[in-house]
Amino acid sequence: MILFGNINKGLEEYRATPGAILVDVREADEFKIGHIPSAINAPLSTITSTTLPKDAPLFLYCLRGTRSKRAAGVLRKMGFKSVKSIGGIASYRGQMEK
């Protein structure tokens, strides 16, 4: 199922999901400026060559939610089983990592 929603609620679900992976689909330079702790970077521009595990629950975010929604659709077509777009970091209310 592909969802587009509130990043803070999405992060709660991510933390409660065993084996989940948090994926920032912004470009590497954006990721370096600041990202959510424990997130890995898999930019939308290179998402088709990702090495993410197809059976792991993936929670995707970007700046405002548009790219994560698009990336979720691409990954779904590639056979990923559990992909959720949780919105954008612009509305994230938490600590950032650099």
Protein backbone atom coordinates (compact mmCIF):
# COMPACT_ATOMS: atom_id res chain seq x y z
CA MET A 1 0.00 0.00 0.00
CA ILE A 2 1.30 3.46 -0.88
CA LEU A 3 0.42 6.20 1.57
CA PHE A 4 1.07 9.92 1.54
CA GLY A 5 0.75 11.54 4.92
CA ASN A 6 1.96 13.27 8.03
CA ILE A 7 5.66 12.62 8.58
CA ASN A 8 5.43 12.72 12.37
CA LYS A 9 2.69 10.07 12.46
CA GLY A 10 4.55 8.12 9.79
CA LEU A 11 7.67 8.10 11.95
CA GLU A 12 5.68 6.67 14.85
CA GLU A 13 4.55 3.83 12.60
CA TYR A 14 8.11 3.35 11.28
CA ARG A 15 9.45 3.03 14.83
CA ALA A 16 6.76 0.50 15.70
CA THR A 17 7.37 -1.66 12.61
CA PRO A 18 9.94 -4.46 13.03
CA GLY A 19 12.61 -4.46 10.32
CA ALA A 20 11.47 -1.13 8.86
CA ILE A 21 13.87 1.09 6.95
CA LEU A 22 13.56 4.89 6.87
CA VAL A 23 14.52 6.23 3.45
CA ASP A 24 15.23 9.86 2.55
CA VAL A 25 14.72 10.18 -1.21
CA ARG A 26 16.16 13.70 -1.46
CA GLU A 27 19.43 14.21 -3.30
CA ALA A 28 22.71 13.55 -1.47
CA ASP A 29 23.50 17.24 -1.00
CA GLU A 30 20.11 17.80 0.68
CA PHE A 31 20.62 14.73 2.87
CA LYS A 32 24.02 16.04 4.03
CA ILE A 33 22.49 19.33 5.17
CA GLY A 34 20.28 17.46 7.60
CA HIS A 35 18.15 14.34 7.84
CA ILE A 36 16.13 12.33 10.32
CA PRO A 37 18.34 10.11 12.52
CA SER A 38 18.53 6.49 11.27
CA ALA A 39 17.48 7.45 7.74
CA ILE A 40 19.41 6.20 4.76
CA ASN A 41 19.71 8.13 1.53
CA ALA A 42 18.34 6.68 -1.71
CA PRO A 43 17.71 9.65 -4.04
CA LEU A 44 14.69 9.55 -6.32
CA SER A 45 17.02 10.25 -9.25
CA THR A 46 18.73 6.87 -8.70
CA ILE A 47 15.89 4.90 -7.07
CA THR A 48 15.67 2.39 -9.94
CA SER A 49 19.18 1.16 -9.10
CA THR A 50 18.54 0.86 -5.37
CA THR A 51 19.85 -2.06 -3.35
CA LEU A 52 17.15 -1.78 -0.68
CA PRO A 53 15.65 -5.14 0.33
CA LYS A 54 12.37 -5.80 -1.47
CA ASP A 55 10.74 -7.51 1.50
CA ALA A 56 11.52 -4.87 4.17
CA PRO A 57 8.91 -2.27 5.12
CA LEU A 58 10.11 1.02 3.63
CA PHE A 59 9.07 4.43 4.95
CA LEU A 60 9.98 7.18 2.48
CA TYR A 61 10.21 10.94 2.94
CA CYS A 62 11.58 13.94 1.05
CA LEU A 63 11.26 17.71 1.53
CA ARG A 64 7.50 18.15 1.13
CA GLY A 65 6.22 14.71 0.15
CA THR A 66 6.08 14.91 -3.64
CA ARG A 67 9.28 12.98 -4.40
CA SER A 68 8.61 10.37 -1.74
CA LYS A 69 5.18 9.72 -3.22
CA ARG A 70 6.73 9.36 -6.69
CA ALA A 71 9.53 7.11 -5.36
CA ALA A 72 6.97 4.89 -3.60
CA GLY A 73 5.17 4.37 -6.90
CA VAL A 74 8.40 3.48 -8.70
CA LEU A 75 9.46 1.02 -5.99
CA ARG A 76 6.01 -0.59 -5.99
CA LYS A 77 6.28 -1.18 -9.75
CA MET A 78 9.73 -2.70 -9.14
CA GLY A 79 8.19 -5.33 -6.84
CA PHE A 80 8.74 -3.83 -3.40
CA LYS A 81 6.12 -5.25 -1.07
CA SER A 82 5.63 -2.59 1.63
CA VAL A 83 6.30 1.03 0.69
CA LYS A 84 4.86 4.11 2.38
CA SER A 85 5.38 7.77 1.62
CA ILE A 86 5.21 9.53 4.96
CA GLY A 87 5.48 13.08 3.67
CA GLY A 88 8.11 15.77 3.94
CA ILE A 89 10.83 16.70 6.36
CA ALA A 90 9.66 20.32 6.13
CA SER A 91 6.93 19.46 8.67
CA TYR A 92 9.12 17.18 10.82
CA ARG A 93 9.15 18.10 14.50
CA GLY A 94 12.23 16.38 15.83
CA GLN A 95 15.98 16.28 16.01
CA MET A 96 18.04 16.41 12.83
CA GLU A 97 21.28 14.62 12.08
CA LYS A 98 24.08 15.83 9.80
